[in-house]
Amino acid sequence: MVDTQRSAPPSAERMRDAERTRAELLEVATEVFSEQGYSGARVDEIAERTRTTKRMIYYYFGGKEGLYLAVLESAYRRIRETEQGLHADDLTPVEAVRRIAELTFDHHHDHPAFIRLVSVENIHNGQHLGKVEALRDLGTPAASLLDEVLARGRASGELRADVDAVDVHMMISAYCVFQVANSATFGFLFGRDMLAPDVRERHRRILGDIVVAWLSA
């Protein structure tokens, strides 16, 4: 009797196991690097948290720096993929710039490790970022998305013509990064939980209003 439910070839199973192991290592390494910085992070701790071996980390990533570079690329790729899922062409230019701002706000609040990683890399003057060739291209979709929306808005007369996509991206990022990076100190000084749901929703709405008011013609 022939077994019609054959298991996948061992090679396919090994590939899936390798992908799972690599993904788990990246997830845990993101936490460790964001918590302890590049200098403080230890490969031994990452291996221990993932119940794997130091040897496996070197096998997949070549060492600590290779793992850190992979973490950076993964973190930036995630937000770029989120932006590309917006379908801005289905929105008016004004609606689109608001949604881009809100989407960035939500991403940064939901991924505080990303903010800490950016801070770590800036402490090191971006010395590792320049080693990830893929990151040079990962900045392009963000600017291109805003460029397209701004171009449509200028053509329709809805958006001003004296700002560019990088200006807008910087302003949105500055607001969103501050919300997360300074939540503890700002909250202590002013007695406000910056991450409370009602505060988060209000600040999200404020950001959208600021962007729309600034860019509207």
N, C-alpha and C. Protein backbone atom coordinates (compact mmCIF):
# COMPACT_ATOMS: atom_id res chain seq x y z
N MET A 1 0.86 -1.20 0.00
CA MET A 1 0.00 0.00 0.00
C MET A 1 0.88 1.24 0.00
N VAL A 2 0.58 2.19 -0.90
CA VAL A 2 1.41 3.38 -1.05
C VAL A 2 0.95 4.46 -0.07
N ASP A 3 1.87 5.03 0.65
CA ASP A 3 1.55 6.12 1.57
C ASP A 3 1.46 7.41 0.78
N THR A 4 0.22 7.95 0.64
CA THR A 4 0.04 9.17 -0.16
C THR A 4 0.46 10.42 0.58
N GLN A 5 0.58 10.34 1.90
CA GLN A 5 0.98 11.50 2.69
C GLN A 5 2.46 11.39 3.04
N ARG A 6 3.25 11.48 2.03
CA ARG A 6 4.68 11.36 2.24
C ARG A 6 5.21 12.61 2.94
N SER A 7 6.18 12.40 3.78
CA SER A 7 6.80 13.54 4.45
C SER A 7 7.71 14.25 3.48
N ALA A 8 7.98 15.52 3.79
CA ALA A 8 8.85 16.32 2.92
C ALA A 8 10.25 15.72 2.93
N PRO A 9 10.98 15.88 1.85
CA PRO A 9 12.36 15.38 1.81
C PRO A 9 13.16 15.96 2.96
N PRO A 10 14.09 15.20 3.49
CA PRO A 10 14.90 15.69 4.62
C PRO A 10 15.55 17.03 4.34
N SER A 11 15.98 17.25 3.09
CA SER A 11 16.64 18.51 2.77
C SER A 11 15.69 19.69 2.97
N ALA A 12 14.42 19.52 2.59
CA ALA A 12 13.43 20.59 2.78
C ALA A 12 13.19 20.83 4.26
N GLU A 13 13.13 19.75 5.03
CA GLU A 13 12.94 19.89 6.47
C GLU A 13 14.11 20.62 7.11
N ARG A 14 15.30 20.27 6.66
CA ARG A 14 16.49 20.93 7.21
C ARG A 14 16.49 22.42 6.86
N MET A 15 16.02 22.75 5.66
CA MET A 15 15.95 24.15 5.26
C MET A 15 14.99 24.92 6.15
N ARG A 16 13.84 24.31 6.44
CA ARG A 16 12.86 24.97 7.30
C ARG A 16 13.42 25.13 8.71
N ASP A 17 14.11 24.11 9.20
CA ASP A 17 14.73 24.21 10.52
C ASP A 17 15.78 25.32 10.55
N ALA A 18 16.55 25.42 9.48
CA ALA A 18 17.58 26.46 9.40
C ALA A 18 16.95 27.84 9.40
N GLU A 19 15.84 28.00 8.66
CA GLU A 19 15.15 29.29 8.62
C GLU A 19 14.59 29.66 9.98
N ARG A 20 14.01 28.66 10.67
CA ARG A 20 13.47 28.91 12.01
C ARG A 20 14.57 29.30 12.98
N THR A 21 15.69 28.57 12.91
CA THR A 21 16.81 28.86 13.81
C THR A 21 17.35 30.26 13.56
N ARG A 22 17.51 30.61 12.31
CA ARG A 22 18.04 31.93 11.95
C ARG A 22 17.09 33.03 12.42
N ALA A 23 15.78 32.83 12.21
CA ALA A 23 14.79 33.82 12.61
C ALA A 23 14.78 34.00 14.13
N GLU A 24 14.89 32.88 14.86
CA GLU A 24 14.91 32.96 16.33
C GLU A 24 16.17 33.68 16.82
N LEU A 25 17.30 33.40 16.20
CA LEU A 25 18.54 34.07 16.57
C LEU A 25 18.43 35.57 16.33
N LEU A 26 17.84 35.96 15.22
CA LEU A 26 17.67 37.38 14.92
C LEU A 26 16.75 38.06 15.92
N GLU A 27 15.68 37.38 16.29
CA GLU A 27 14.71 37.95 17.24
C GLU A 27 15.37 38.18 18.61
N VAL A 28 16.06 37.17 19.09
CA VAL A 28 16.70 37.29 20.40
C VAL A 28 17.86 38.28 20.35
N ALA A 29 18.64 38.23 19.28
CA ALA A 29 19.77 39.15 19.15
C ALA A 29 19.30 40.59 19.09
N THR A 30 18.15 40.84 18.48
CA THR A 30 17.58 42.19 18.45
C THR A 30 17.33 42.68 19.86
N GLU A 31 16.76 41.83 20.70
CA GLU A 31 16.49 42.19 22.09
C GLU A 31 17.80 42.48 22.84
N VAL A 32 18.77 41.60 22.68
CA VAL A 32 20.03 41.73 23.43
C VAL A 32 20.81 42.96 22.99
N PHE A 33 20.95 43.18 21.69
CA PHE A 33 21.69 44.34 21.19
C PHE A 33 20.98 45.64 21.58
N SER A 34 19.65 45.64 21.54
CA SER A 34 18.92 46.86 21.88
C SER A 34 18.97 47.15 23.38
N GLU A 35 19.07 46.10 24.18
CA GLU A 35 19.13 46.28 25.64
C GLU A 35 20.54 46.64 26.11
N GLN A 36 21.55 46.04 25.50
CA GLN A 36 22.91 46.14 26.03
C GLN A 36 23.89 46.86 25.11
N GLY A 37 23.44 47.22 23.91
CA GLY A 37 24.32 47.87 22.97
C GLY A 37 25.24 46.87 22.30
N TYR A 38 25.98 47.35 21.31
CA TYR A 38 26.87 46.44 20.59
C TYR A 38 28.01 45.96 21.49
N SER A 39 28.60 46.89 22.22
CA SER A 39 29.76 46.54 23.05
C SER A 39 29.39 45.61 24.19
N GLY A 40 28.20 45.83 24.77
CA GLY A 40 27.81 45.04 25.94
C GLY A 40 27.21 43.69 25.62
N ALA A 41 26.71 43.54 24.42
CA ALA A 41 26.06 42.27 24.05
C ALA A 41 27.08 41.14 23.96
N ARG A 42 26.67 39.95 24.40
CA ARG A 42 27.55 38.78 24.37
C ARG A 42 26.91 37.67 23.56
N VAL A 43 27.69 37.09 22.68
CA VAL A 43 27.21 36.00 21.85
C VAL A 43 26.79 34.82 22.71
N ASP A 44 27.51 34.60 23.81
CA ASP A 44 27.16 33.48 24.70
C ASP A 44 25.74 33.64 25.25
N GLU A 45 25.37 34.86 25.61
CA GLU A 45 24.03 35.09 26.16
C GLU A 45 22.97 34.86 25.10
N ILE A 46 23.23 35.31 23.87
CA ILE A 46 22.27 35.11 22.78
C ILE A 46 22.08 33.61 22.53
N ALA A 47 23.18 32.88 22.53
CA ALA A 47 23.09 31.43 22.33
C ALA A 47 22.29 30.77 23.45
N GLU A 48 22.53 31.22 24.68
CA GLU A 48 21.83 30.64 25.83
C GLU A 48 20.34 30.92 25.76
N ARG A 49 19.96 32.13 25.38
CA ARG A 49 18.54 32.49 25.31
C ARG A 49 17.81 31.72 24.21
N THR A 50 18.52 31.35 23.18
CA THR A 50 17.89 30.62 22.07
C THR A 50 18.06 29.12 22.19
N ARG A 51 18.71 28.69 23.26
CA ARG A 51 18.94 27.26 23.47
C ARG A 51 19.69 26.63 22.29
N THR A 52 20.59 27.42 21.71
CA THR A 52 21.43 26.89 20.65
C THR A 52 22.88 27.03 21.08
N THR A 53 23.79 26.92 20.17
CA THR A 53 25.20 26.98 20.52
C THR A 53 25.86 28.20 19.89
N LYS A 54 26.94 28.63 20.49
CA LYS A 54 27.72 29.72 19.94
C LYS A 54 28.21 29.36 18.54
N ARG A 55 28.51 28.10 18.37
CA ARG A 55 29.00 27.63 17.08
C ARG A 55 27.97 27.87 15.97
N MET A 56 26.67 27.69 16.30
CA MET A 56 25.62 27.90 15.31
C MET A 56 25.52 29.37 14.91
N ILE A 57 25.74 30.27 15.86
CA ILE A 57 25.71 31.70 15.54
C ILE A 57 26.83 32.03 14.56
N TYR A 58 28.00 31.47 14.80
CA TYR A 58 29.11 31.70 13.89
C TYR A 58 28.84 31.05 12.53
N TYR A 59 28.14 29.94 12.54
CA TYR A 59 27.82 29.25 11.29
C TYR A 59 26.89 30.10 10.42
N TYR A 60 25.84 30.69 11.05
CA TYR A 60 24.85 31.45 10.29
C TYR A 60 25.31 32.87 9.98
N PHE A 61 26.04 33.49 10.90
CA PHE A 61 26.32 34.92 10.76
C PHE A 61 27.80 35.28 10.75
N GLY A 62 28.66 34.33 11.01
CA GLY A 62 30.09 34.60 10.96
C GLY A 62 30.67 35.21 12.22
N GLY A 63 29.84 35.54 13.20
CA GLY A 63 30.34 36.13 14.43
C GLY A 63 29.43 37.23 14.94
N LYS A 64 29.88 37.91 15.97
CA LYS A 64 29.07 38.94 16.62
C LYS A 64 28.73 40.09 15.68
N GLU A 65 29.72 40.59 14.97
CA GLU A 65 29.45 41.73 14.09
C GLU A 65 28.51 41.33 12.96
N GLY A 66 28.71 40.16 12.40
CA GLY A 66 27.82 39.70 11.34
C GLY A 66 26.38 39.57 11.82
N LEU A 67 26.21 39.10 13.05
CA LEU A 67 24.88 38.98 13.63
C LEU A 67 24.27 40.36 13.85
N TYR A 68 25.06 41.30 14.33
CA TYR A 68 24.57 42.67 14.56
C TYR A 68 24.16 43.33 13.24
N LEU A 69 24.95 43.13 12.20
CA LEU A 69 24.61 43.70 10.89
C LEU A 69 23.30 43.10 10.36
N ALA A 70 23.11 41.81 10.59
CA ALA A 70 21.87 41.16 10.16
C ALA A 70 20.68 41.70 10.94
N VAL A 71 20.88 41.99 12.22
CA VAL A 71 19.82 42.57 13.06
C VAL A 71 19.44 43.95 12.53
N LEU A 72 20.43 44.77 12.21
CA LEU A 72 20.16 46.10 11.67
C LEU A 72 19.36 46.02 10.37
N GLU A 73 19.81 45.15 9.49
CA GLU A 73 19.12 45.02 8.20
C GLU A 73 17.68 44.56 8.39
N SER A 74 17.48 43.60 9.26
CA SER A 74 16.14 43.07 9.52
C SER A 74 15.23 44.15 10.10
N ALA A 75 15.76 44.96 11.01
CA ALA A 75 14.96 46.00 11.66
C ALA A 75 14.52 47.06 10.66
N TYR A 76 15.44 47.50 9.81
CA TYR A 76 15.09 48.52 8.81
C TYR A 76 14.19 47.95 7.72
N ARG A 77 14.43 46.70 7.37
CA ARG A 77 13.61 46.08 6.33
C ARG A 77 12.15 45.97 6.79
N ARG A 78 11.93 45.72 8.08
CA ARG A 78 10.58 45.55 8.60
C ARG A 78 9.75 46.82 8.41
N ILE A 79 10.33 47.97 8.74
CA ILE A 79 9.55 49.21 8.61
C ILE A 79 9.33 49.58 7.15
N ARG A 80 10.33 49.28 6.29
CA ARG A 80 10.15 49.58 4.87
C ARG A 80 9.03 48.71 4.29
N GLU A 81 8.96 47.45 4.69
CA GLU A 81 7.91 46.56 4.19
C GLU A 81 6.54 47.01 4.70
N THR A 82 6.50 47.51 5.92
CA THR A 82 5.25 48.04 6.47
C THR A 82 4.77 49.23 5.66
N GLU A 83 5.68 50.11 5.30
CA GLU A 83 5.32 51.29 4.50
C GLU A 83 4.79 50.90 3.13
N GLN A 84 5.42 49.88 2.54
CA GLN A 84 5.01 49.48 1.20
C GLN A 84 3.61 48.84 1.19
N GLY A 85 3.14 48.41 2.36
CA GLY A 85 1.81 47.83 2.44
C GLY A 85 0.70 48.86 2.59
N LEU A 86 1.06 50.14 2.51
CA LEU A 86 0.09 51.20 2.75
C LEU A 86 -0.89 51.40 1.59
N HIS A 87 -0.46 51.16 0.35
CA HIS A 87 -1.28 51.41 -0.84
C HIS A 87 -1.71 52.87 -0.90
N ALA A 88 -0.72 53.75 -0.87
CA ALA A 88 -0.98 55.18 -0.83
C ALA A 88 -1.72 55.68 -2.06
N ASP A 89 -1.59 54.97 -3.19
CA ASP A 89 -2.26 55.40 -4.41
C ASP A 89 -3.78 55.39 -4.28
N ASP A 90 -4.28 54.62 -3.32
CA ASP A 90 -5.72 54.54 -3.11
C ASP A 90 -6.25 55.70 -2.26
N LEU A 91 -5.34 56.53 -1.75
CA LEU A 91 -5.71 57.63 -0.87
C LEU A 91 -5.44 58.97 -1.54
N THR A 92 -6.15 60.00 -1.10
CA THR A 92 -5.82 61.35 -1.56
C THR A 92 -4.46 61.73 -0.98
N PRO A 93 -3.75 62.70 -1.57
CA PRO A 93 -2.45 63.10 -1.02
C PRO A 93 -2.51 63.48 0.45
N VAL A 94 -3.53 64.21 0.85
CA VAL A 94 -3.64 64.62 2.26
C VAL A 94 -3.86 63.41 3.16
N GLU A 95 -4.75 62.52 2.74
CA GLU A 95 -4.98 61.29 3.51
C GLU A 95 -3.71 60.45 3.58
N ALA A 96 -2.97 60.41 2.48
CA ALA A 96 -1.78 59.57 2.42
C ALA A 96 -0.68 60.05 3.35
N VAL A 97 -0.43 61.37 3.40
CA VAL A 97 0.63 61.85 4.30
C VAL A 97 0.25 61.62 5.76
N ARG A 98 -1.03 61.75 6.06
CA ARG A 98 -1.48 61.45 7.43
C ARG A 98 -1.26 59.98 7.76
N ARG A 99 -1.62 59.09 6.83
CA ARG A 99 -1.48 57.66 7.09
C ARG A 99 -0.01 57.26 7.20
N ILE A 100 0.86 57.86 6.40
CA ILE A 100 2.29 57.55 6.51
C ILE A 100 2.80 57.94 7.88
N ALA A 101 2.39 59.10 8.36
CA ALA A 101 2.80 59.57 9.69
C ALA A 101 2.28 58.63 10.77
N GLU A 102 1.01 58.26 10.68
CA GLU A 102 0.41 57.37 11.68
C GLU A 102 1.04 55.98 11.65
N LEU A 103 1.32 55.50 10.46
CA LEU A 103 1.95 54.19 10.32
C LEU A 103 3.33 54.17 10.97
N THR A 104 4.11 55.23 10.74
CA THR A 104 5.44 55.33 11.35
C THR A 104 5.32 55.40 12.86
N PHE A 105 4.36 56.17 13.33
CA PHE A 105 4.12 56.30 14.78
C PHE A 105 3.80 54.93 15.38
N ASP A 106 2.90 54.20 14.76
CA ASP A 106 2.50 52.88 15.27
C ASP A 106 3.69 51.92 15.27
N HIS A 107 4.45 51.93 14.19
CA HIS A 107 5.59 51.02 14.10
C HIS A 107 6.58 51.28 15.23
N HIS A 108 6.92 52.53 15.46
CA HIS A 108 7.92 52.85 16.48
C HIS A 108 7.42 52.53 17.89
N HIS A 109 6.14 52.73 18.13
CA HIS A 109 5.59 52.38 19.44
C HIS A 109 5.56 50.87 19.63
N ASP A 110 5.28 50.14 18.56
CA ASP A 110 5.17 48.69 18.65
C ASP A 110 6.52 47.99 18.62
N HIS A 111 7.57 48.71 18.20
CA HIS A 111 8.91 48.11 18.09
C HIS A 111 9.95 49.01 18.78
N PRO A 112 9.86 49.13 20.09
CA PRO A 112 10.81 49.99 20.81
C PRO A 112 12.26 49.53 20.64
N ALA A 113 12.47 48.25 20.37
CA ALA A 113 13.83 47.76 20.15
C ALA A 113 14.46 48.44 18.94
N PHE A 114 13.65 48.77 17.94
CA PHE A 114 14.15 49.45 16.76
C PHE A 114 14.72 50.82 17.14
N ILE A 115 14.02 51.54 18.01
CA ILE A 115 14.48 52.87 18.44
C ILE A 115 15.79 52.74 19.19
N ARG A 116 15.89 51.74 20.07
CA ARG A 116 17.12 51.56 20.83
C ARG A 116 18.28 51.18 19.92
N LEU A 117 18.00 50.35 18.91
CA LEU A 117 19.05 49.98 17.96
C LEU A 117 19.57 51.19 17.20
N VAL A 118 18.65 52.06 16.78
CA VAL A 118 19.05 53.29 16.08
C VAL A 118 19.92 54.15 16.99
N SER A 119 19.54 54.24 18.27
CA SER A 119 20.32 55.02 19.23
C SER A 119 21.72 54.41 19.41
N VAL A 120 21.79 53.09 19.52
CA VAL A 120 23.07 52.41 19.66
C VAL A 120 23.96 52.70 18.46
N GLU A 121 23.37 52.61 17.27
CA GLU A 121 24.17 52.83 16.06
C GLU A 121 24.65 54.27 15.94
N ASN A 122 23.84 55.21 16.41
CA ASN A 122 24.27 56.61 16.39
C ASN A 122 25.37 56.88 17.41
N ILE A 123 25.34 56.16 18.52
CA ILE A 123 26.43 56.28 19.50
C ILE A 123 27.74 55.87 18.85
N HIS A 124 27.67 54.88 17.97
CA HIS A 124 28.87 54.40 17.26
C HIS A 124 29.08 55.14 15.93
N ASN A 125 28.39 56.29 15.78
CA ASN A 125 28.55 57.13 14.58
C ASN A 125 28.24 56.39 13.27
N GLY A 126 27.33 55.43 13.37
CA GLY A 126 26.89 54.72 12.18
C GLY A 126 27.95 53.86 11.53
N GLN A 127 28.95 53.45 12.30
CA GLN A 127 30.06 52.73 11.70
C GLN A 127 29.68 51.35 11.18
N HIS A 128 28.65 50.75 11.77
CA HIS A 128 28.22 49.43 11.30
C HIS A 128 27.22 49.55 10.16
N LEU A 129 26.41 50.57 10.22
CA LEU A 129 25.35 50.75 9.22
C LEU A 129 25.93 50.78 7.80
N GLY A 130 27.06 51.43 7.65
CA GLY A 130 27.68 51.55 6.34
C GLY A 130 28.20 50.25 5.78
N LYS A 131 28.26 49.22 6.62
CA LYS A 131 28.75 47.92 6.16
C LYS A 131 27.63 47.04 5.60
N VAL A 132 26.39 47.49 5.76
CA VAL A 132 25.25 46.71 5.25
C VAL A 132 24.81 47.32 3.93
N GLU A 133 25.27 46.73 2.84
CA GLU A 133 25.00 47.29 1.52
C GLU A 133 23.51 47.41 1.24
N ALA A 134 22.74 46.46 1.73
CA ALA A 134 21.29 46.46 1.46
C ALA A 134 20.61 47.69 2.04
N LEU A 135 21.17 48.26 3.12
CA LEU A 135 20.54 49.40 3.76
C LEU A 135 20.57 50.64 2.89
N ARG A 136 21.51 50.71 1.97
CA ARG A 136 21.55 51.87 1.07
C ARG A 136 20.29 51.90 0.21
N ASP A 137 19.80 50.74 -0.13
CA ASP A 137 18.58 50.66 -0.93
C ASP A 137 17.33 50.72 -0.07
N LEU A 138 17.43 50.33 1.19
CA LEU A 138 16.24 50.29 2.04
C LEU A 138 15.73 51.68 2.38
N GLY A 139 16.58 52.70 2.30
CA GLY A 139 16.11 54.06 2.54
C GLY A 139 15.32 54.60 1.37
N THR A 140 15.52 54.03 0.19
CA THR A 140 14.88 54.55 -1.02
C THR A 140 13.36 54.41 -1.02
N PRO A 141 12.79 53.26 -0.61
CA PRO A 141 11.33 53.16 -0.64
C PRO A 141 10.62 54.21 0.19
N ALA A 142 11.18 54.56 1.36
CA ALA A 142 10.53 55.57 2.21
C ALA A 142 10.48 56.90 1.50
N ALA A 143 11.61 57.31 0.90
CA ALA A 143 11.65 58.58 0.19
C ALA A 143 10.79 58.52 -1.07
N SER A 144 10.81 57.39 -1.76
CA SER A 144 10.03 57.26 -3.00
C SER A 144 8.54 57.34 -2.72
N LEU A 145 8.10 56.68 -1.64
CA LEU A 145 6.69 56.72 -1.28
C LEU A 145 6.24 58.15 -1.02
N LEU A 146 7.02 58.87 -0.23
CA LEU A 146 6.68 60.27 0.06
C LEU A 146 6.80 61.14 -1.18
N ASP A 147 7.81 60.88 -1.99
CA ASP A 147 7.98 61.63 -3.24
C ASP A 147 6.74 61.52 -4.12
N GLU A 148 6.23 60.32 -4.25
CA GLU A 148 5.06 60.09 -5.10
C GLU A 148 3.84 60.82 -4.55
N VAL A 149 3.66 60.74 -3.22
CA VAL A 149 2.51 61.40 -2.60
C VAL A 149 2.64 62.92 -2.73
N LEU A 150 3.83 63.45 -2.47
CA LEU A 150 4.05 64.89 -2.58
C LEU A 150 3.84 65.37 -4.02
N ALA A 151 4.31 64.58 -4.98
CA ALA A 151 4.15 64.96 -6.39
C ALA A 151 2.67 65.02 -6.76
N ARG A 152 1.90 64.05 -6.31
CA ARG A 152 0.46 64.07 -6.59
C ARG A 152 -0.21 65.26 -5.93
N GLY A 153 0.24 65.56 -4.69
CA GLY A 153 -0.34 66.68 -3.97
C GLY A 153 -0.02 68.03 -4.60
N ARG A 154 1.19 68.15 -5.13
CA ARG A 154 1.56 69.40 -5.81
C ARG A 154 0.74 69.56 -7.09
N ALA A 155 0.60 68.46 -7.81
CA ALA A 155 -0.14 68.51 -9.08
C ALA A 155 -1.61 68.88 -8.86
N SER A 156 -2.17 68.42 -7.75
CA SER A 156 -3.59 68.70 -7.47
C SER A 156 -3.77 70.03 -6.73
N GLY A 157 -2.66 70.62 -6.29
CA GLY A 157 -2.74 71.88 -5.56
C GLY A 157 -3.06 71.71 -4.09
N GLU A 158 -3.02 70.46 -3.60
CA GLU A 158 -3.35 70.21 -2.20
C GLU A 158 -2.16 70.36 -1.26
N LEU A 159 -0.95 70.09 -1.76
CA LEU A 159 0.24 70.11 -0.91
C LEU A 159 1.24 71.14 -1.40
N ARG A 160 1.97 71.72 -0.47
CA ARG A 160 2.95 72.75 -0.80
C ARG A 160 4.11 72.16 -1.61
N ALA A 161 4.84 73.04 -2.28
CA ALA A 161 5.87 72.58 -3.21
C ALA A 161 7.28 72.82 -2.72
N ASP A 162 7.44 73.41 -1.52
CA ASP A 162 8.78 73.82 -1.09
C ASP A 162 9.41 72.90 -0.05
N VAL A 163 8.94 71.66 0.04
CA VAL A 163 9.57 70.66 0.91
C VAL A 163 9.81 69.40 0.10
N ASP A 164 10.80 68.62 0.52
CA ASP A 164 11.04 67.37 -0.18
C ASP A 164 10.77 66.19 0.75
N ALA A 165 10.86 65.00 0.18
CA ALA A 165 10.49 63.78 0.91
C ALA A 165 11.37 63.55 2.13
N VAL A 166 12.66 63.86 2.03
CA VAL A 166 13.56 63.63 3.17
C VAL A 166 13.22 64.57 4.32
N ASP A 167 12.84 65.82 3.99
CA ASP A 167 12.39 66.76 5.03
C ASP A 167 11.21 66.18 5.81
N VAL A 168 10.24 65.68 5.07
CA VAL A 168 9.03 65.14 5.69
C VAL A 168 9.35 63.89 6.51
N HIS A 169 10.16 63.01 5.94
CA HIS A 169 10.54 61.78 6.64
C HIS A 169 11.27 62.11 7.94
N MET A 170 12.15 63.09 7.90
CA MET A 170 12.91 63.46 9.09
C MET A 170 11.99 64.01 10.18
N MET A 171 11.05 64.86 9.80
CA MET A 171 10.15 65.44 10.79
C MET A 171 9.28 64.38 11.45
N ILE A 172 8.73 63.49 10.64
CA ILE A 172 7.89 62.41 11.18
C ILE A 172 8.72 61.51 12.09
N SER A 173 9.91 61.14 11.64
CA SER A 173 10.78 60.25 12.43
C SER A 173 11.17 60.90 13.75
N ALA A 174 11.49 62.19 13.73
CA ALA A 174 11.91 62.88 14.95
C ALA A 174 10.81 62.83 16.00
N TYR A 175 9.59 63.10 15.60
CA TYR A 175 8.46 63.07 16.53
C TYR A 175 8.25 61.66 17.09
N CYS A 176 8.28 60.67 16.19
CA CYS A 176 8.00 59.29 16.60
C CYS A 176 9.11 58.72 17.48
N VAL A 177 10.35 58.99 17.14
CA VAL A 177 11.48 58.49 17.93
C VAL A 177 11.44 59.09 19.33
N PHE A 178 11.16 60.39 19.43
CA PHE A 178 11.11 61.03 20.74
C PHE A 178 10.07 60.37 21.64
N GLN A 179 8.93 60.04 21.08
CA GLN A 179 7.85 59.43 21.86
C GLN A 179 8.31 58.19 22.61
N VAL A 180 9.16 57.41 21.97
CA VAL A 180 9.60 56.14 22.55
C VAL A 180 10.92 56.31 23.31
N ALA A 181 11.89 56.95 22.67
CA ALA A 181 13.23 57.04 23.25
C ALA A 181 13.25 57.81 24.57
N ASN A 182 12.38 58.80 24.70
CA ASN A 182 12.39 59.65 25.89
C ASN A 182 11.17 59.44 26.78
N SER A 183 10.47 58.33 26.59
CA SER A 183 9.23 58.12 27.35
C SER A 183 9.49 58.04 28.85
N ALA A 184 10.59 57.43 29.26
CA ALA A 184 10.88 57.27 30.70
C ALA A 184 11.23 58.61 31.34
N THR A 185 12.17 59.35 30.74
CA THR A 185 12.60 60.62 31.34
C THR A 185 11.51 61.67 31.23
N PHE A 186 10.85 61.76 30.09
CA PHE A 186 9.78 62.74 29.90
C PHE A 186 8.62 62.43 30.84
N GLY A 187 8.31 61.15 30.96
CA GLY A 187 7.23 60.74 31.85
C GLY A 187 7.53 61.08 33.30
N PHE A 188 8.79 60.88 33.72
CA PHE A 188 9.18 61.20 35.09
C PHE A 188 9.09 62.71 35.36
N LEU A 189 9.62 63.49 34.44
CA LEU A 189 9.68 64.94 34.64
C LEU A 189 8.30 65.59 34.65
N PHE A 190 7.38 65.04 33.85
CA PHE A 190 6.07 65.68 33.72
C PHE A 190 4.93 64.84 34.30
N GLY A 191 5.29 63.72 34.93
CA GLY A 191 4.28 62.91 35.58
C GLY A 191 3.22 62.36 34.64
N ARG A 192 3.65 61.93 33.46
CA ARG A 192 2.70 61.43 32.48
C ARG A 192 3.23 60.13 31.88
N ASP A 193 2.36 59.14 31.80
CA ASP A 193 2.73 57.87 31.18
C ASP A 193 2.64 58.05 29.67
N MET A 194 3.79 58.20 29.03
CA MET A 194 3.82 58.50 27.60
C MET A 194 3.34 57.33 26.74
N LEU A 195 3.32 56.13 27.33
CA LEU A 195 2.93 54.95 26.56
C LEU A 195 1.51 54.48 26.88
N ALA A 196 0.79 55.24 27.73
CA ALA A 196 -0.59 54.88 28.04
C ALA A 196 -1.44 54.97 26.77
N PRO A 197 -2.42 54.07 26.62
CA PRO A 197 -3.21 54.04 25.38
C PRO A 197 -3.85 55.37 25.01
N ASP A 198 -4.43 56.09 25.99
CA ASP A 198 -5.09 57.36 25.66
C ASP A 198 -4.08 58.43 25.25
N VAL A 199 -2.90 58.43 25.91
CA VAL A 199 -1.85 59.38 25.55
C VAL A 199 -1.30 59.05 24.17
N ARG A 200 -1.08 57.78 23.95
CA ARG A 200 -0.58 57.34 22.63
C ARG A 200 -1.53 57.77 21.52
N GLU A 201 -2.83 57.56 21.70
CA GLU A 201 -3.80 57.89 20.66
C GLU A 201 -3.84 59.40 20.42
N ARG A 202 -3.74 60.18 21.48
CA ARG A 202 -3.75 61.64 21.33
C ARG A 202 -2.52 62.12 20.57
N HIS A 203 -1.36 61.58 20.93
CA HIS A 203 -0.12 61.99 20.26
C HIS A 203 -0.10 61.53 18.81
N ARG A 204 -0.69 60.39 18.55
CA ARG A 204 -0.80 59.91 17.17
C ARG A 204 -1.63 60.87 16.34
N ARG A 205 -2.74 61.31 16.91
CA ARG A 205 -3.63 62.25 16.21
C ARG A 205 -2.94 63.61 16.01
N ILE A 206 -2.20 64.05 17.03
CA ILE A 206 -1.48 65.32 16.94
C ILE A 206 -0.47 65.28 15.79
N LEU A 207 0.27 64.17 15.70
CA LEU A 207 1.25 64.04 14.62
C LEU A 207 0.59 64.16 13.26
N GLY A 208 -0.52 63.47 13.07
CA GLY A 208 -1.24 63.56 11.80
C GLY A 208 -1.66 64.98 11.50
N ASP A 209 -2.18 65.68 12.52
CA ASP A 209 -2.62 67.07 12.34
C ASP A 209 -1.45 67.98 11.96
N ILE A 210 -0.30 67.78 12.63
CA ILE A 210 0.88 68.60 12.36
C ILE A 210 1.35 68.42 10.91
N VAL A 211 1.44 67.17 10.49
CA VAL A 211 1.93 66.88 9.13
C VAL A 211 0.98 67.45 8.08
N VAL A 212 -0.30 67.25 8.28
CA VAL A 212 -1.27 67.76 7.31
C VAL A 212 -1.26 69.28 7.27
N ALA A 213 -1.24 69.93 8.46
CA ALA A 213 -1.24 71.40 8.50
C ALA A 213 0.02 71.96 7.86
N TRP A 214 1.17 71.33 8.11
CA TRP A 214 2.44 71.80 7.55
C TRP A 214 2.48 71.65 6.04
N LEU A 215 2.01 70.54 5.54
CA LEU A 215 2.15 70.25 4.11
C LEU A 215 1.02 70.81 3.25
N SER A 216 -0.10 71.12 3.85
CA SER A 216 -1.22 71.60 3.05
C SER A 216 -0.90 72.94 2.40
N ALA A 217 -1.30 73.07 1.14
CA ALA A 217 -0.99 74.30 0.40
C ALA A 217 -1.86 75.43 0.92
